[in-house]
Each structure stands twice: as structure tokens, then as C-alpha cells.
Amino acid sequence: MTHDQQFLVGSLMTLALLAVVVGGPLYILYRLMPRIQRARLDRQVEHHMRRGMANQGSIDRVRDKLTREYYEEG
């Protein structure tokens, strides 16, 4: 095998190795990213819904308190 052939084979092997080392994780991320984004969105929605429920409880307590004060005065 001549020096030029060895250089060509080495270059191709280097490109193949880089393709596997860099391309593999990129492909896996490309395939998993929709699931990751969907899970993140679900967590955000759940957080906001829980805060809304907590706020609704506070709103109900304040409304009941104000209603009682209004009827005690009137």
C-alpha cells in the first residue's frame, strides 16, 4: 500500500470516527428533543395549574372573609 493510499484510508477512517462520535449523539438528541420539550411543557403547565389552584384558594378565603365582614356590618 502506497503512502497516498494509507493517507486516504486514514482520512476516511478519521471521518468515519468523527461521524460516529459527533453524529451519533446529535441524531439521538434530534430524536429525543420532542419528548424532552413535551415533558418540560407538561411540568410548566402543572406548575401554573398548581399555582392557580393555590391562588384560587386564597381568593376564596378572602372573598368569604369580606362577605362575612359585609354581612356583620349590615
Protein backbone atom coordinates (compact mmCIF):
# COMPACT_ATOMS: atom_id res chain seq x y z
CA MET A 1 0.00 0.00 0.00
CA THR A 2 1.48 3.31 -1.00
CA HIS A 3 1.75 6.34 1.21
CA ASP A 4 -1.08 8.08 -0.66
CA GLN A 5 -3.37 5.09 -0.18
CA GLN A 6 -2.52 4.93 3.54
CA PHE A 7 -3.27 8.64 3.87
CA LEU A 8 -6.61 8.18 2.08
CA VAL A 9 -7.62 5.23 4.26
CA GLY A 10 -6.56 7.10 7.41
CA SER A 11 -8.52 10.17 6.37
CA LEU A 12 -11.62 8.09 5.66
CA MET A 13 -11.29 6.30 9.00
CA THR A 14 -10.93 9.66 10.77
CA LEU A 15 -14.04 10.99 9.03
CA ALA A 16 -15.96 7.83 9.92
CA LEU A 17 -14.89 8.11 13.56
CA LEU A 18 -15.90 11.77 13.71
CA ALA A 19 -19.22 10.95 12.07
CA VAL A 20 -19.94 8.33 14.72
CA VAL A 21 -18.66 10.36 17.68
CA VAL A 22 -20.34 13.64 16.68
CA GLY A 23 -23.22 12.46 14.50
CA GLY A 24 -24.48 9.75 16.85
CA PRO A 25 -25.26 12.00 19.82
CA LEU A 26 -26.68 14.69 17.54
CA TYR A 27 -29.03 12.15 15.94
CA ILE A 28 -30.09 10.85 19.37
CA LEU A 29 -30.79 14.40 20.59
CA TYR A 30 -32.74 15.09 17.41
CA ARG A 31 -34.90 12.05 18.09
CA LEU A 32 -35.37 12.74 21.83
CA MET A 33 -35.82 16.52 21.76
CA PRO A 34 -39.60 16.48 21.11
CA ARG A 35 -40.10 14.24 24.16
CA ILE A 36 -37.86 16.45 26.30
CA GLN A 37 -39.73 19.59 25.22
CA ARG A 38 -43.11 17.95 25.79
CA ALA A 39 -42.09 16.86 29.30
CA ARG A 40 -40.80 20.37 30.07
CA LEU A 41 -44.06 21.91 28.85
CA ASP A 42 -46.07 19.44 30.95
CA ARG A 43 -44.08 20.40 34.05
CA GLN A 44 -44.62 24.11 33.35
CA VAL A 45 -48.35 23.66 32.82
CA GLU A 46 -48.63 21.58 36.00
CA HIS A 47 -46.74 24.25 37.96
CA HIS A 48 -49.00 27.03 36.68
CA MET A 49 -52.12 24.97 37.36
CA ARG A 50 -50.99 24.27 40.92
CA ARG A 51 -50.27 27.96 41.46
CA GLY A 52 -53.69 28.79 40.03
CA MET A 53 -55.33 26.36 42.44
CA ALA A 54 -53.39 27.85 45.36
CA ASN A 55 -54.39 31.34 44.23
CA GLN A 56 -57.99 30.22 43.87
CA GLY A 57 -57.94 29.03 47.48
CA SER A 58 -56.63 32.42 48.61
CA ILE A 59 -59.26 34.20 46.53
CA ASP A 60 -62.00 32.06 48.08
CA ARG A 61 -60.77 32.71 51.62
CA VAL A 62 -60.56 36.48 51.10
CA ARG A 63 -63.97 36.56 49.42
CA ASP A 64 -65.51 34.62 52.34
CA LYS A 65 -63.83 36.94 54.85
CA LEU A 66 -65.06 40.07 53.07
CA THR A 67 -68.54 38.60 52.70
CA ARG A 68 -68.70 37.84 56.44
CA GLU A 69 -67.46 41.36 57.30
CA TYR A 70 -70.01 42.92 54.97
CA TYR A 71 -72.94 40.99 56.43
CA GLU A 72 -71.79 41.54 60.05
CA GLU A 73 -71.79 45.31 59.50
CA GLY A 74 -75.03 45.40 57.56
